Protein backbone atom coordinates (compact mmCIF):
# COMPACT_ATOMS: atom_id res chain seq x y z
CA MET A 1 100.61 111.49 100.39
CA ASN A 2 99.83 110.68 104.00
CA TYR A 3 100.64 106.96 103.94
CA GLN A 4 99.96 106.47 107.65
CA ALA A 5 96.42 107.85 107.37
CA LEU A 6 95.74 105.67 104.33
CA LEU A 7 97.18 102.64 106.12
CA ASP A 8 94.80 103.29 109.01
CA GLU A 9 91.95 103.18 106.48
CA VAL A 10 93.26 99.89 105.11
CA LYS A 11 93.35 98.41 108.61
CA ALA A 12 89.85 99.61 109.48
CA HIS A 13 88.47 98.29 106.18
CA THR A 14 89.98 94.82 106.51
CA LEU A 15 88.99 94.52 110.16
CA SER A 16 85.42 95.32 109.17
CA PHE A 17 85.68 92.91 106.24
CA PHE A 18 86.74 89.97 108.41
CA ASN A 19 84.33 90.74 111.25
CA ALA A 20 81.39 90.86 108.84
CA ARG A 21 82.29 87.50 107.25
CA GLN A 22 83.59 85.45 110.17
CA ASP A 23 82.37 81.87 110.25
CA ASN A 24 83.16 78.49 111.80
CA LEU A 25 84.91 77.17 108.70
CA HIS A 26 87.89 79.48 108.32
CA VAL A 27 89.63 78.72 111.59
CA TYR A 28 93.06 79.36 110.07
CA HIS A 29 92.65 81.92 107.29
CA ASN A 30 90.90 84.47 109.47
CA LEU A 31 91.55 87.78 111.18
CA SER A 32 93.93 86.20 113.70
CA HIS A 33 96.20 84.87 110.94
CA THR A 34 96.02 88.18 109.07
CA THR A 35 97.06 90.21 112.11
CA ASP A 36 99.93 87.78 112.72
CA VAL A 37 101.12 88.27 109.13
CA VAL A 38 100.85 92.05 109.47
CA LYS A 39 102.87 91.90 112.68
CA ALA A 40 105.55 89.76 111.02
CA ALA A 41 105.61 92.01 107.94
CA THR A 42 106.06 95.04 110.19
CA GLN A 43 108.96 93.36 111.98
CA ILE A 44 110.73 92.45 108.74
CA ALA A 45 110.04 95.81 107.09
CA ASN A 46 111.43 97.66 110.11
CA HIS A 47 114.58 95.57 109.89
CA TYR A 48 115.10 96.65 106.27
CA GLN A 49 114.16 100.26 107.10
CA LEU A 50 111.73 100.60 104.22
CA ASN A 51 110.65 104.08 103.19
CA ASP A 52 107.07 105.19 103.87
CA ARG A 53 105.76 104.17 100.46
CA ASP A 54 107.25 100.66 100.46
CA PHE A 55 106.19 100.18 104.09
CA PHE A 56 102.61 101.06 103.10
CA ILE A 57 102.71 98.68 100.12
CA VAL A 58 103.99 95.77 102.23
CA LEU A 59 101.47 96.22 105.05
CA THR A 60 98.55 96.80 102.68
CA ALA A 61 99.39 93.56 100.90
CA ALA A 62 99.62 91.80 104.28
CA TRP A 63 96.17 93.07 105.32
CA PHE A 64 94.53 92.04 102.03
CA HIS A 65 96.48 88.87 101.18
CA ASP A 66 93.84 86.41 102.51
CA THR A 67 90.65 88.42 102.02
CA GLY A 68 90.01 86.30 98.94
CA TYR A 69 89.28 83.30 101.16
CA LEU A 70 86.16 84.98 102.54
CA ALA A 71 85.09 86.50 99.22
CA GLY A 72 85.24 83.34 97.12
CA GLU A 73 86.84 79.93 97.01
CA ALA A 74 90.22 78.94 98.39
CA LYS A 75 91.46 78.25 94.86
CA GLY A 76 92.60 81.50 93.31
CA HIS A 77 92.12 83.45 96.53
CA GLU A 78 95.32 85.41 95.86
CA GLU A 79 93.87 86.87 92.65
CA LYS A 80 90.64 87.74 94.45
CA GLY A 81 92.51 89.37 97.32
CA ALA A 82 94.61 91.38 94.86
CA GLU A 83 91.41 92.57 93.13
CA LEU A 84 89.86 93.64 96.45
CA ALA A 85 93.00 95.57 97.37
CA ALA A 86 93.14 97.25 93.96
CA ALA A 87 89.47 98.29 94.13
CA PHE A 88 89.93 99.77 97.60
CA LEU A 89 93.07 101.70 96.64
CA GLN A 90 91.55 102.98 93.41
CA GLU A 91 88.66 104.49 95.36
CA ARG A 92 91.23 106.34 97.50
CA GLY A 93 93.10 107.69 94.46
CA PHE A 94 96.26 105.65 94.97
CA ASP A 95 98.54 105.64 91.91
CA ALA A 96 98.46 102.77 89.43
CA GLU A 97 102.11 101.82 89.95
CA GLY A 98 101.61 101.48 93.69
CA ILE A 99 98.42 99.44 93.21
CA GLN A 100 100.27 97.06 90.92
CA ALA A 101 103.05 96.71 93.49
CA VAL A 102 100.48 95.75 96.16
CA LYS A 103 98.88 93.22 93.81
CA ASN A 104 102.27 91.71 92.96
CA CYS A 105 103.04 91.27 96.66
CA ILE A 106 99.76 89.42 97.21
CA LEU A 107 100.15 87.25 94.09
CA ALA A 108 103.71 86.36 95.14
CA THR A 109 102.31 84.41 98.11
CA ARG A 110 100.97 81.70 95.77
CA LEU A 111 102.68 78.37 96.37
CA PRO A 112 105.36 77.75 95.31
CA GLN A 113 106.35 81.30 96.22
CA GLN A 114 108.35 83.17 93.59
CA PRO A 115 108.88 86.76 94.76
CA HIS A 116 111.00 89.14 92.70
CA THR A 117 111.33 92.34 94.74
CA LEU A 118 112.25 92.97 98.36
CA ASN A 119 108.65 93.98 99.14
CA GLU A 120 107.35 90.71 97.67
CA ARG A 121 109.94 88.68 99.60
CA ILE A 122 108.93 90.36 102.85
CA VAL A 123 105.22 89.58 102.34
CA CYS A 124 105.98 85.96 101.38
CA ASP A 125 108.13 85.40 104.46
CA ALA A 126 105.55 87.09 106.70
CA ASP A 127 102.81 84.80 105.34
CA LEU A 128 104.73 81.65 106.38
CA PHE A 129 106.55 83.21 109.31
CA HIS A 130 104.99 80.69 111.70
CA LEU A 131 106.85 77.75 110.12
CA GLY A 132 109.91 78.85 112.06
CA THR A 133 108.24 79.62 115.40
CA ASP A 134 106.81 77.77 118.38
CA ASP A 135 103.30 78.59 117.12
CA PHE A 136 103.67 76.21 114.19
CA ILE A 137 102.10 73.16 115.88
CA ASP A 138 98.91 74.96 116.90
CA ARG A 139 98.61 76.79 113.57
CA ASN A 140 99.09 73.56 111.64
CA LYS A 141 96.27 71.87 113.57
CA LEU A 142 93.97 74.75 112.66
CA MET A 143 94.95 74.42 109.00
CA ARG A 144 94.00 70.73 108.97
CA LYS A 145 90.69 71.48 110.69
CA GLU A 146 89.90 74.21 108.15
CA VAL A 147 90.64 71.99 105.15
CA GLU A 148 88.41 69.24 106.51
CA ALA A 149 85.56 71.70 107.19
CA ILE A 150 85.69 73.47 103.81
CA TYR A 151 86.09 70.38 101.60
CA HIS A 152 83.98 68.05 103.79
CA VAL A 153 86.67 65.37 103.94
CA GLN A 154 88.47 63.50 106.67
CA ILE A 155 92.26 63.78 106.51
CA THR A 156 94.32 61.41 108.61
CA LYS A 157 97.15 62.77 110.67
CA ASP A 158 99.63 60.76 108.63
CA ASP A 159 98.42 62.17 105.29
CA PHE A 160 98.34 65.74 106.52
CA ARG A 161 101.74 65.33 108.17
CA ALA A 162 103.18 64.06 104.88
CA LYS A 163 101.80 67.10 103.02
CA THR A 164 103.21 69.40 105.68
CA ILE A 165 106.65 67.79 105.42
CA SER A 166 106.48 68.27 101.65
CA LEU A 167 105.68 71.96 102.18
CA PHE A 168 108.62 72.33 104.56
CA GLU A 169 111.05 70.70 102.15
CA SER A 170 109.94 72.82 99.18
CA HIS A 171 109.83 76.09 101.11
CA HIS A 172 112.65 78.48 101.95
CA TYR A 173 112.65 81.95 103.42
CA HIS A 174 113.51 84.65 100.89
CA THR A 175 114.95 87.39 103.13
CA ASP A 176 118.27 86.98 104.89
CA TYR A 177 116.66 88.33 108.06
CA CYS A 178 114.14 85.46 108.24
CA GLN A 179 116.77 82.94 107.23
CA LEU A 180 118.92 83.94 110.18
CA LEU A 181 116.00 84.29 112.57
CA LEU A 182 113.77 81.34 111.67
CA ASN A 183 115.69 78.63 109.82
CA ASP A 184 116.93 76.84 112.95
CA LYS A 185 113.47 76.61 114.51
CA LYS A 186 111.95 75.66 111.16
CA GLU A 187 114.43 72.81 110.84
CA GLN A 188 113.59 71.70 114.37
CA ASN A 189 109.87 71.68 113.51
CA LEU A 190 110.59 69.65 110.37
CA GLN A 191 112.64 67.07 112.25
CA ARG A 192 109.85 66.72 114.80
CA LEU A 193 107.36 66.05 111.99
CA LYS A 194 109.67 63.47 110.43
CA ALA A 195 110.20 61.79 113.80
CA LYS A 196 106.45 61.50 114.29
CA ALA A 197 106.02 60.19 110.74
CA ALA A 198 108.71 57.56 111.34
CA ALA A 199 107.13 56.54 114.63
CA ALA A 200 103.68 56.30 113.04
CA GLY A 201 105.08 54.20 110.20
CA ASN A 202 106.64 51.65 112.55
CA LYS A 203 103.76 49.16 112.48
CA ASP A 204 105.76 46.34 114.02
CA ALA A 205 106.48 48.11 117.30
CA PRO A 206 103.70 50.54 118.05
CA ALA A 207 104.30 50.40 121.79
CA THR A 208 107.90 51.56 121.47
CA ALA A 209 107.17 54.25 118.91
CA PRO A 210 106.31 57.00 121.41
CA ALA A 211 109.45 56.24 123.38
CA SER A 212 111.53 56.41 120.20
CA LEU A 213 109.87 59.67 119.28
CA LEU A 214 110.53 61.08 122.75
CA ALA A 215 114.17 60.02 122.53
CA ALA A 216 114.54 61.63 119.12
CA GLU A 217 113.00 64.89 120.30
CA THR A 218 115.13 64.87 123.46
CA ALA A 219 118.25 64.34 121.37
CA ALA A 220 117.23 67.15 119.05
CA ARG A 221 116.65 69.52 121.97
CA THR A 222 119.99 68.54 123.52
CA SER A 223 121.78 69.08 120.23
CA LYS A 224 119.99 72.37 119.78
CA LYS A 225 121.08 73.60 123.20
CA SER A 226 124.68 72.61 122.57
CA ASP A 227 124.70 74.35 119.18
CA ARG A 228 122.90 77.48 120.33
CA PRO A 229 125.94 79.46 121.58
CA GLU A 230 127.94 78.96 118.37
CA ARG A 231 124.97 79.65 116.11
CA GLY A 232 123.87 82.57 118.22
CA ILE A 233 127.31 84.15 117.98
CA GLU A 234 127.46 83.67 114.21
CA THR A 235 123.96 85.08 113.81
CA MET A 236 124.94 88.09 115.92
CA PHE A 237 127.96 88.79 113.71
CA ARG A 238 125.93 88.42 110.50
CA ILE A 239 123.17 90.75 111.65
CA SER A 240 125.67 93.30 113.00
CA SER A 241 127.65 93.27 109.76
CA ASN A 242 124.50 93.58 107.64
CA ASN A 243 123.20 96.45 109.79
CA HIS A 244 126.52 98.28 109.51
CA GLN A 245 126.51 97.80 105.75
CA ARG A 246 123.00 99.25 105.46
CA LEU A 247 123.97 102.21 107.65
CA SER A 248 127.02 102.78 105.45
CA ASP A 249 124.83 102.74 102.33
CA MET A 250 122.46 105.22 103.98
CA ALA A 251 125.38 107.53 104.81
CA ASP A 252 126.64 107.37 101.23
CA ASN A 253 123.15 108.19 99.93
CA LYS A 254 122.88 111.17 102.29
CA ALA A 255 126.29 112.42 101.18
CA HIS A 256 125.31 111.98 97.53
CA ILE A 257 122.14 114.02 98.08
CA MET A 258 124.11 116.83 99.69
CA ILE A 259 126.80 116.80 96.98
CA THR A 260 124.16 116.95 94.25
CA THR A 261 122.24 119.75 95.96
CA THR A 262 125.28 121.93 96.59
CA SER A 263 126.59 121.28 93.05
CA ILE A 264 123.37 122.61 91.57
CA ILE A 265 123.44 125.71 93.79
CA ILE A 266 127.11 126.39 92.98
CA SER A 267 126.44 125.99 89.25
CA VAL A 268 123.59 128.50 89.40
CA LEU A 269 125.64 130.97 91.42
CA LEU A 270 128.64 130.80 89.09
CA SER A 271 126.67 130.84 85.85
CA VAL A 272 124.02 133.43 86.72
CA MET A 273 124.56 135.41 89.90
CA ILE A 274 128.27 136.18 89.54
CA ARG A 275 127.67 137.94 86.21
CA LYS A 276 124.81 139.95 87.74
CA LEU A 277 126.83 141.35 90.65
CA GLU A 278 127.80 144.47 88.68
CA GLU A 279 124.10 145.15 88.22
CA PHE A 280 123.23 144.18 91.82
CA PRO A 281 126.34 144.97 93.89
CA HIS A 282 124.39 144.85 97.14
CA LEU A 283 124.06 141.07 96.72
CA THR A 284 127.81 140.47 96.68
CA ILE A 285 128.13 139.46 100.34
CA PRO A 286 125.04 137.17 100.34
CA VAL A 287 126.23 135.44 97.15
CA ILE A 288 129.75 134.93 98.52
CA LEU A 289 128.28 133.68 101.81
CA LEU A 290 126.00 131.16 100.06
CA LEU A 291 128.85 130.05 97.80
CA GLY A 292 131.09 129.47 100.82
CA VAL A 293 128.38 127.48 102.62
CA CYS A 294 127.91 125.20 99.59
CA VAL A 295 131.64 124.66 99.12
CA ILE A 296 132.20 123.76 102.79
CA THR A 297 129.18 121.44 102.77
CA MET A 298 130.41 119.73 99.61
CA VAL A 299 133.90 119.25 101.04
CA PHE A 300 132.64 117.53 104.20
CA SER A 301 130.21 115.39 102.17
CA ILE A 302 133.03 114.26 99.89
CA LEU A 303 135.27 113.54 102.89
CA ALA A 304 132.48 111.35 104.33
CA THR A 305 132.50 109.14 101.21
CA ARG A 306 136.19 109.30 100.32
CA PRO A 307 137.69 105.80 100.63
CA THR A 308 140.83 105.13 102.63
CA LEU A 309 143.21 102.21 102.15
CA THR A 310 145.70 100.61 104.49
CA GLY A 311 148.99 99.03 103.53
CA GLY A 312 147.46 95.91 102.01
CA THR A 313 150.03 93.48 103.43
CA PHE A 314 150.55 91.33 106.50
CA THR A 315 153.49 89.34 107.83
CA PRO A 316 153.78 85.83 109.27
CA ALA A 317 154.40 87.51 112.62
CA ASP A 318 151.01 89.23 112.36
CA ILE A 319 149.39 85.83 111.81
CA ALA A 320 151.32 84.21 114.66
CA GLU A 321 150.36 87.02 117.05
CA LYS A 322 146.77 87.10 115.73
CA LYS A 323 146.92 90.86 115.12
CA VAL A 324 145.72 91.07 111.52
CA ASN A 325 142.11 91.13 110.31
CA LEU A 326 142.06 88.87 107.24
CA LEU A 327 138.39 89.60 106.59
CA PHE A 328 139.11 93.19 105.47
CA PHE A 329 140.48 93.53 101.93
CA GLY A 330 142.64 96.50 102.93
CA ASN A 331 144.90 94.15 104.88
CA PHE A 332 145.67 91.70 102.06
CA TYR A 333 145.01 93.19 98.62
CA LYS A 334 148.77 93.32 97.88
CA MET A 335 149.40 89.74 99.04
CA THR A 336 149.65 86.74 96.73
CA LEU A 337 146.95 84.07 96.70
CA GLU A 338 149.29 81.54 98.31
CA GLU A 339 150.16 83.87 101.20
CA TYR A 340 146.53 84.78 101.77
CA ASP A 341 145.47 81.12 101.58
CA GLN A 342 148.00 80.17 104.26
CA GLY A 343 146.75 82.93 106.52
CA MET A 344 143.11 81.95 106.01
CA GLN A 345 143.85 78.29 106.71
CA GLN A 346 145.34 79.27 110.08
CA LEU A 347 142.40 81.58 110.72
CA MET A 348 139.82 78.86 110.09
CA ALA A 349 141.70 76.35 112.22
CA ASP A 350 141.86 78.64 115.26
CA ARG A 351 138.51 79.50 116.89
CA ASP A 352 139.91 82.38 118.94
CA PHE A 353 141.67 83.83 115.89
CA LEU A 354 138.47 83.53 113.83
CA TYR A 355 136.22 85.24 116.35
CA GLY A 356 138.91 87.82 117.00
CA ASN A 357 138.84 88.71 113.28
CA LEU A 358 135.05 88.98 113.36
CA ILE A 359 135.23 91.28 116.36
CA ARG A 360 137.89 93.45 114.66
CA ASP A 361 135.81 93.57 111.49
CA VAL A 362 132.67 94.78 113.28
CA HIS A 363 134.73 97.26 115.31
CA SER A 364 136.38 98.60 112.14
CA GLN A 365 133.01 99.03 110.48
CA GLY A 366 131.81 100.95 113.52
CA ILE A 367 134.83 103.28 113.38
CA VAL A 368 134.27 103.97 109.68
CA LEU A 369 130.57 104.60 110.30
CA GLY A 370 131.35 106.95 113.17
CA ARG A 371 133.66 108.99 110.94
CA LYS A 372 131.13 109.08 108.10
CA TYR A 373 128.23 110.21 110.24
CA ARG A 374 130.38 112.74 112.12
CA LEU A 375 131.42 114.39 108.85
CA LEU A 376 127.88 114.18 107.51
CA ARG A 377 126.52 115.83 110.63
CA ILE A 378 128.96 118.71 110.15
CA ALA A 379 127.97 118.99 106.48
CA TYR A 380 124.25 119.04 107.26
CA ASN A 381 124.71 121.55 110.09
CA VAL A 382 126.78 123.87 107.91
CA PHE A 383 124.22 123.64 105.12
CA MET A 384 121.21 124.10 107.40
CA PHE A 385 122.51 127.10 109.34
CA GLY A 386 124.33 128.49 106.31
CA ILE A 387 121.20 128.48 104.17
CA VAL A 388 119.27 130.28 106.89
CA ILE A 389 121.98 132.92 107.30
CA SER A 390 122.32 133.32 103.54
CA VAL A 391 118.59 133.82 103.03
CA VAL A 392 118.49 136.36 105.85
CA SER A 393 121.44 138.21 104.33
CA PHE A 394 119.72 138.26 100.94
CA LEU A 395 116.61 139.78 102.55
CA ILE A 396 118.60 142.38 104.45
CA ALA A 397 120.62 143.33 101.37
CA SER A 398 117.49 143.56 99.21
CA ILE A 399 115.53 145.63 101.74
CA PHE A 400 118.13 147.99 103.19
CA PHE A 401 120.99 148.20 100.65
CA ARG A 402 119.28 147.94 97.29
């Protein structure tokens, strides 16, 4: 299925849907919000390197997730949006399992959010992505304006601020990517709301409230700036380690595919073709050539996934000289708990030692990945060129030497 072409249809349909129903009431749940959610969903999905099908499911859910607002009431809009998405996809012949996955992603955005799959977590985090960005203040003002317009009520700033604080305190991002990327800014936005609520609640000294609020925000910004290098470094190491782990999983999957494919070909050659060589002697060379290609490919694929272990021990001198990486199990799996605990206590007490271990760990992961992908590249090249040569040899043998 051409998912990109179908996704283009989804985009065109929802754009037409919103443009035909735009009004002065839905100043928040409108096309602007929807495109922001789609953009955030794309960013998160790209980080997790979703396949084409899951990428289509996530973005389709993002496009349709708030269509229910303009096709009915705000209450139960998730169910309405899921129905609209299902009807559209059914008309295009999309499979029932995929339709249900899109519906589940939309329904997962109901508050309190309770996503179960990665796709659902991505859509949920994209829907409330703005809570951890600088756009939160403007978006929150639009939300208050929309609620007042739809329900014909006046909501004081204090009441709406209290509800927003409650939302912040009950919400958490579901993907580790958004947690690392947005949690700090989300916490800053929450503290700003609480500071304003405290200032507004100080009835005895209204004149000093703005100054107190300004001081609190200035202190928060100062603290944020002082914390930013440490947090930024830790975030960098987490993201790098997670990316390396995903790349390692991808390499293992590629090797597994190649091992499975070559195993099937070898089984067929040994069980069928070898016994037929007396009847078809002209195929001897092509069969041996194909068998050799599969064996070489399998060997390199196995080498790419074969684990290697180091000595598993370290000495007090290694700790004193800060030469050992205590974050890699291969350096301590033969040590006792007491010895490892002593080493870790020294590691956590020494900033340079700690960051040195993190650097060594990322570097070691990179070396392992380089070896894996180098061996996999050889395996795929041997298989690709070998298959071509084998097929050509089969054709030549069948045409000229039969």
